[in-house]
PDB file of N, CA and C in Angstrom:
ATOM      1  N   MET A   1      -8.147  16.958   5.836  1.00  0.00           N
ATOM      2  CA  MET A   1      -7.022  17.025   5.684  1.00  0.00           C
ATOM      3  C   MET A   1      -6.745  18.505   5.391  1.00  0.00           C
ATOM      4  N   THR A   2      -5.723  19.120   6.551  1.00  0.00           N
ATOM      5  CA  THR A   2      -4.781  20.674   5.961  1.00  0.00           C
ATOM      6  C   THR A   2      -4.400  21.035   4.872  1.00  0.00           C
ATOM      7  N   ALA A   3      -4.427  21.692   4.821  1.00  0.00           N
ATOM      8  CA  ALA A   3      -3.338  22.882   3.496  1.00  0.00           C
ATOM      9  C   ALA A   3      -2.399  22.369   3.651  1.00  0.00           C
ATOM     10  N   ARG A   4      -1.266  22.144   4.405  1.00  0.00           N
ATOM     11  CA  ARG A   4      -0.314  21.959   5.417  1.00  0.00           C
ATOM     12  C   ARG A   4       0.217  20.600   4.322  1.00  0.00           C
ATOM     13  N   VAL A   5      -0.877  19.774   5.167  1.00  0.00           N
ATOM     14  CA  VAL A   5      -0.655  17.950   5.195  1.00  0.00           C
ATOM     15  C   VAL A   5      -0.239  17.676   3.081  1.00  0.00           C
ATOM     16  N   GLN A   6      -1.310  18.849   2.863  1.00  0.00           N
ATOM     17  CA  GLN A   6      -1.885  18.570   0.946  1.00  0.00           C
ATOM     18  C   GLN A   6      -0.619  18.795   0.196  1.00  0.00           C
ATOM     19  N   ASN A   7       0.062  19.161   0.634  1.00  0.00           N
ATOM     20  CA  ASN A   7       0.802  20.236   0.307  1.00  0.00           C
ATOM     21  C   ASN A   7       2.361  19.200   0.931  1.00  0.00           C
ATOM     22  N   ILE A   8       2.068  18.917   1.640  1.00  0.00           N
ATOM     23  CA  ILE A   8       3.621  17.988   1.560  1.00  0.00           C
ATOM     24  C   ILE A   8       3.029  16.683   0.993  1.00  0.00           C
ATOM     25  N   LEU A   9       1.842  15.693   0.721  1.00  0.00           N
ATOM     26  CA  LEU A   9       1.682  15.269  -0.005  1.00  0.00           C
ATOM     27  C   LEU A   9       1.749  15.002  -1.354  1.00  0.00           C
ATOM     28  N   ARG A  10       1.378  16.319  -1.780  1.00  0.00           N
ATOM     29  CA  ARG A  10       2.054  16.021  -2.885  1.00  0.00           C
ATOM     30  C   ARG A  10       3.152  16.827  -3.886  1.00  0.00           C
ATOM     31  N   SER A  11       4.480  17.004  -2.511  1.00  0.00           N
ATOM     32  CA  SER A  11       5.783  17.051  -2.787  1.00  0.00           C
ATOM     33  C   SER A  11       6.287  15.665  -2.662  1.00  0.00           C
ATOM     34  N   PHE A  12       5.506  14.371  -1.925  1.00  0.00           N
ATOM     35  CA  PHE A  12       6.082  13.278  -1.485  1.00  0.00           C
ATOM     36  C   PHE A  12       5.660  12.690  -2.812  1.00  0.00           C
ATOM     37  N   GLU A  13       4.514  13.011  -4.163  1.00  0.00           N
ATOM     38  CA  GLU A  13       4.212  12.512  -5.126  1.00  0.00           C
ATOM     39  C   GLU A  13       5.475  12.170  -6.168  1.00  0.00           C
ATOM     40  N   GLN A  14       6.413  13.922  -5.715  1.00  0.00           N
ATOM     41  CA  GLN A  14       7.272  14.354  -6.855  1.00  0.00           C
ATOM     42  C   GLN A  14       8.358  13.448  -6.850  1.00  0.00           C
ATOM     43  N   LEU A  15       8.563  12.705  -5.607  1.00  0.00           N
ATOM     44  CA  LEU A  15      10.296  12.616  -4.923  1.00  0.00           C
ATOM     45  C   LEU A  15      10.290  10.963  -5.942  1.00  0.00           C
ATOM     46  N   SER A  16      11.567  10.267  -6.357  1.00  0.00           N
ATOM     47  CA  SER A  16      11.660   9.132  -6.710  1.00  0.00           C
ATOM     48  C   SER A  16      11.409   7.956  -6.508  1.00  0.00           C
ATOM     49  N   GLU A  17      10.897   6.877  -6.149  1.00  0.00           N
ATOM     50  CA  GLU A  17      10.773   6.080  -5.681  1.00  0.00           C
ATOM     51  C   GLU A  17      11.640   5.463  -4.394  1.00  0.00           C
ATOM     52  N   SER A  18      12.996   5.792  -4.912  1.00  0.00           N
ATOM     53  CA  SER A  18      13.576   5.807  -3.097  1.00  0.00           C
ATOM     54  C   SER A  18      13.570   6.427  -2.194  1.00  0.00           C
ATOM     55  N   GLU A  19      13.187   7.952  -2.401  1.00  0.00           N
ATOM     56  CA  GLU A  19      13.540   8.746  -2.214  1.00  0.00           C
ATOM     57  C   GLU A  19      12.047   8.668  -0.964  1.00  0.00           C
ATOM     58  N   LYS A  20      10.742   7.858  -1.275  1.00  0.00           N
ATOM     59  CA  LYS A  20       9.834   7.789  -1.351  1.00  0.00           C
ATOM     60  C   LYS A  20      10.204   6.656  -0.252  1.00  0.00           C
ATOM     61  N   LYS A  21      10.678   5.789   0.035  1.00  0.00           N
ATOM     62  CA  LYS A  21      10.383   4.361   0.308  1.00  0.00           C
ATOM     63  C   LYS A  21      11.377   5.434   1.896  1.00  0.00           C
ATOM     64  N   ASP A  22      12.799   5.613   1.383  1.00  0.00           N
ATOM     65  CA  ASP A  22      13.493   6.549   2.533  1.00  0.00           C
ATOM     66  C   ASP A  22      12.748   7.806   3.355  1.00  0.00           C
ATOM     67  N   LEU A  23      11.871   8.482   2.880  1.00  0.00           N
ATOM     68  CA  LEU A  23      11.240   8.789   3.702  1.00  0.00           C
ATOM     69  C   LEU A  23       9.527   8.401   4.235  1.00  0.00           C
ATOM     70  N   ALA A  24       9.173   7.541   3.771  1.00  0.00           N
ATOM     71  CA  ALA A  24       7.880   6.063   4.369  1.00  0.00           C
ATOM     72  C   ALA A  24       8.836   5.970   5.761  1.00  0.00           C
ATOM     73  N   PHE A  25      10.118   5.421   5.914  1.00  0.00           N
ATOM     74  CA  PHE A  25      10.812   4.767   6.756  1.00  0.00           C
ATOM     75  C   PHE A  25      11.269   5.752   7.877  1.00  0.00           C
ATOM     76  N   GLU A  26      11.322   6.950   7.618  1.00  0.00           N
ATOM     77  CA  GLU A  26      11.547   8.388   8.315  1.00  0.00           C
ATOM     78  C   GLU A  26      10.597   8.042   8.725  1.00  0.00           C
ATOM     79  N   ILE A  27       9.292   8.636   8.647  1.00  0.00           N
ATOM     80  CA  ILE A  27       8.021   9.077   9.255  1.00  0.00           C
ATOM     81  C   ILE A  27       7.243   6.907   9.634  1.00  0.00           C
ATOM     82  N   LEU A  28       7.620   6.536   9.800  1.00  0.00           N
ATOM     83  CA  LEU A  28       7.029   5.220  10.281  1.00  0.00           C
ATOM     84  C   LEU A  28       7.729   4.746  11.384  1.00  0.00           C
ATOM     85  N   GLN A  29       9.426   5.484  11.482  1.00  0.00           N
ATOM     86  CA  GLN A  29      10.459   5.011  12.437  1.00  0.00           C
ATOM     87  C   GLN A  29      10.040   6.512  13.889  1.00  0.00           C
ATOM     88  N   ARG A  30       9.505   7.330  12.916  1.00  0.00           N
ATOM     89  CA  ARG A  30       8.757   8.713  13.893  1.00  0.00           C
ATOM     90  C   ARG A  30       7.440   8.575  14.576  1.00  0.00           C
ATOM     91  N   THR A  31       6.709   7.901  13.466  1.00  0.00           N
ATOM     92  CA  THR A  31       5.481   7.727  14.625  1.00  0.00           C
ATOM     93  C   THR A  31       4.572   6.795  15.349  1.00  0.00           C
ATOM     94  N   THR A  32       6.190   5.519  15.211  1.00  0.00           N
ATOM     95  CA  THR A  32       5.442   4.251  16.450  1.00  0.00           C
ATOM     96  C   THR A  32       5.865   4.814  17.998  1.00  0.00           C
ATOM     97  N   GLN A  33       6.269   5.826  18.355  1.00  0.00           N
ATOM     98  CA  GLN A  33       5.747   6.430  19.532  1.00  0.00           C
ATOM     99  C   GLN A  33       4.493   7.111  20.042  1.00  0.00           C
ATOM    100  N   PHE A  34       3.726   7.375  18.979  1.00  0.00           N
ATOM    101  CA  PHE A  34       2.368   7.717  18.851  1.00  0.00           C
ATOM    102  C   PHE A  34       1.401   6.580  20.339  1.00  0.00           C
ATOM    103  N   ASP A  35       0.551   7.542  20.596  1.00  0.00           N
ATOM    104  CA  ASP A  35      -0.549   6.554  21.320  1.00  0.00           C
ATOM    105  C   ASP A  35      -1.260   5.894  20.167  1.00  0.00           C
ATOM    106  N   LEU A  36      -1.781   5.471  19.472  1.00  0.00           N
ATOM    107  CA  LEU A  36      -2.814   5.184  18.504  1.00  0.00           C
ATOM    108  C   LEU A  36      -3.457   4.866  18.933  1.00  0.00           C
ATOM    109  N   PRO A  37      -5.012   4.465  18.667  1.00  0.00           N
ATOM    110  CA  PRO A  37      -6.024   3.515  18.842  1.00  0.00           C
ATOM    111  C   PRO A  37      -5.600   1.913  18.061  1.00  0.00           C
ATOM    112  N   PRO A  38      -6.115   1.439  18.769  1.00  0.00           N
ATOM    113  CA  PRO A  38      -6.261  -0.010  17.118  1.00  0.00           C
ATOM    114  C   PRO A  38      -6.732   0.444  16.265  1.00  0.00           C
ATOM    115  N   VAL A  39      -6.668  -0.276  15.590  1.00  0.00           N
ATOM    116  CA  VAL A  39      -7.124  -0.465  14.289  1.00  0.00           C
ATOM    117  C   VAL A  39      -8.181  -1.281  14.189  1.00  0.00           C
ATOM    118  N   ILE A  40      -9.466  -0.874  13.846  1.00  0.00           N
ATOM    119  CA  ILE A  40     -10.704  -1.791  13.631  1.00  0.00           C
ATOM    120  C   ILE A  40     -10.967  -1.926  12.238  1.00  0.00           C
ATOM    121  N   ASP A  41     -11.468  -3.271  11.980  1.00  0.00           N
ATOM    122  CA  ASP A  41     -11.804  -4.187  11.078  1.00  0.00           C
ATOM    123  C   ASP A  41     -12.151  -2.871  10.123  1.00  0.00           C
ATOM    124  N   ASP A  42     -13.667  -2.586  10.590  1.00  0.00           N
ATOM    125  CA  ASP A  42     -14.255  -1.528   9.487  1.00  0.00           C
ATOM    126  C   ASP A  42     -13.422  -0.677   8.980  1.00  0.00           C
ATOM    127  N   ILE A  43     -12.963   0.111   9.722  1.00  0.00           N
ATOM    128  CA  ILE A  43     -12.192   1.490   9.101  1.00  0.00           C
ATOM    129  C   ILE A  43     -10.783   0.315   8.224  1.00  0.00           C
ATOM    130  N   LEU A  44     -10.460  -0.297   8.307  1.00  0.00           N
ATOM    131  CA  LEU A  44      -9.406  -0.961   7.871  1.00  0.00           C
ATOM    132  C   LEU A  44      -9.955  -1.592   6.304  1.00  0.00           C
ATOM    133  N   VAL A  45     -11.387  -2.415   5.945  1.00  0.00           N
ATOM    134  CA  VAL A  45     -12.031  -2.647   5.010  1.00  0.00           C
ATOM    135  C   VAL A  45     -12.437  -1.495   4.143  1.00  0.00           C
ATOM    136  N   SER A  46     -13.051  -0.492   4.988  1.00  0.00           N
ATOM    137  CA  SER A  46     -13.208   0.754   4.021  1.00  0.00           C
ATOM    138  C   SER A  46     -12.252   1.257   3.670  1.00  0.00           C
ATOM    139  N   CYS A  47     -10.790   1.297   3.807  1.00  0.00           N
ATOM    140  CA  CYS A  47      -9.819   2.157   3.381  1.00  0.00           C
ATOM    141  C   CYS A  47      -9.323   0.892   1.854  1.00  0.00           C
ATOM    142  N   ALA A  48      -9.216   0.252   2.262  1.00  0.00           N
ATOM    143  CA  ALA A  48      -8.858  -0.750   1.504  1.00  0.00           C
ATOM    144  C   ALA A  48      -9.890  -1.102  -0.516  1.00  0.00           C
ATOM    145  N   GLU A  49     -10.932  -0.653   0.551  1.00  0.00           N
ATOM    146  CA  GLU A  49     -11.920  -0.490  -0.648  1.00  0.00           C
ATOM    147  C   GLU A  49     -11.952   0.621  -1.749  1.00  0.00           C
ATOM    148  N   ASP A  50     -11.463   1.440  -0.728  1.00  0.00           N
ATOM    149  CA  ASP A  50     -11.188   3.232  -1.267  1.00  0.00           C
ATOM    150  C   ASP A  50     -10.129   3.049  -1.854  1.00  0.00           C
ATOM    151  N   LEU A  51      -9.273   2.342  -1.967  1.00  0.00           N
ATOM    152  CA  LEU A  51      -7.492   2.780  -2.376  1.00  0.00           C
ATOM    153  C   LEU A  51      -8.318   1.758  -3.692  1.00  0.00           C
ATOM    154  N   PHE A  52      -8.706   0.335  -3.539  1.00  0.00           N
ATOM    155  CA  PHE A  52      -9.035  -0.385  -4.873  1.00  0.00           C
ATOM    156  C   PHE A  52     -10.112   0.625  -5.980  1.00  0.00           C
ATOM    157  N   LEU A  53     -10.657   0.772  -5.471  1.00  0.00           N
ATOM    158  CA  LEU A  53     -11.314   1.290  -6.673  1.00  0.00           C
ATOM    159  C   LEU A  53     -10.812   2.652  -7.214  1.00  0.00           C
ATOM    160  N   SER A  54     -10.195   3.381  -6.143  1.00  0.00           N
ATOM    161  CA  SER A  54      -9.089   4.205  -6.928  1.00  0.00           C
ATOM    162  C   SER A  54      -8.188   4.127  -7.695  1.00  0.00           C
ATOM    163  N   LEU A  55      -7.711   2.970  -7.361  1.00  0.00           N
ATOM    164  CA  LEU A  55      -6.577   1.982  -8.073  1.00  0.00           C
ATOM    165  C   LEU A  55      -7.535   1.650 -10.037  1.00  0.00           C
ATOM    166  N   ASP A  56      -9.010   0.997  -9.465  1.00  0.00           N
ATOM    167  CA  ASP A  56      -9.170   0.671 -11.054  1.00  0.00           C
ATOM    168  C   ASP A  56      -9.773   2.142 -11.520  1.00  0.00           C
ATOM    169  N   ARG A  57     -10.444   3.102 -11.417  1.00  0.00           N
ATOM    170  CA  ARG A  57     -10.737   4.471 -11.717  1.00  0.00           C
ATOM    171  C   ARG A  57      -9.063   4.595 -12.391  1.00  0.00           C
ATOM    172  N   GLU A  58      -8.270   5.007 -12.480  1.00  0.00           N
ATOM    173  CA  GLU A  58      -6.487   5.096 -12.663  1.00  0.00           C
ATOM    174  C   GLU A  58      -6.533   4.457 -13.670  1.00  0.00           C
ATOM    175  N   GLU A  59      -7.314   2.359 -13.559  1.00  0.00           N
ATOM    176  CA  GLU A  59      -6.502   1.682 -14.423  1.00  0.00           C
ATOM    177  C   GLU A  59      -7.661   2.310 -15.672  1.00  0.00           C
ATOM    178  N   LEU A  60      -8.977   2.544 -15.296  1.00  0.00           N
ATOM    179  CA  LEU A  60      -9.616   2.687 -16.596  1.00  0.00           C
ATOM    180  C   LEU A  60      -8.836   3.682 -17.096  1.00  0.00           C
ATOM    181  N   THR A  61      -8.645   4.558 -17.174  1.00  0.00           N
ATOM    182  CA  THR A  61      -8.525   6.452 -17.561  1.00  0.00           C
ATOM    183  C   THR A  61      -6.560   5.813 -18.806  1.00  0.00           C
ATOM    184  N   HIS A  62      -5.906   5.085 -18.111  1.00  0.00           N
ATOM    185  CA  HIS A  62      -4.879   4.264 -18.982  1.00  0.00           C
ATOM    186  C   HIS A  62      -5.143   3.516 -19.611  1.00  0.00           C
ATOM    187  N   GLU A  63      -6.413   3.086 -20.081  1.00  0.00           N
ATOM    188  CA  GLU A  63      -6.612   2.121 -21.377  1.00  0.00           C
ATOM    189  C   GLU A  63      -6.807   2.366 -22.396  1.00  0.00           C
TER     190      GLU A  63
END
């Protein structure tokens, strides 16, 4: 991930929930035109696992 993308993500985290939804909607509209490869189940499962492990770690730090 480039530094520019990391900066955008950091800025995204500072937005209100409403602004995050607005931005996500706009990004999804703009990316429907990309010729993206199909999602492979193994990749999807791996991403989901990473997400849930991250959420578990975050939950443990807030207990």
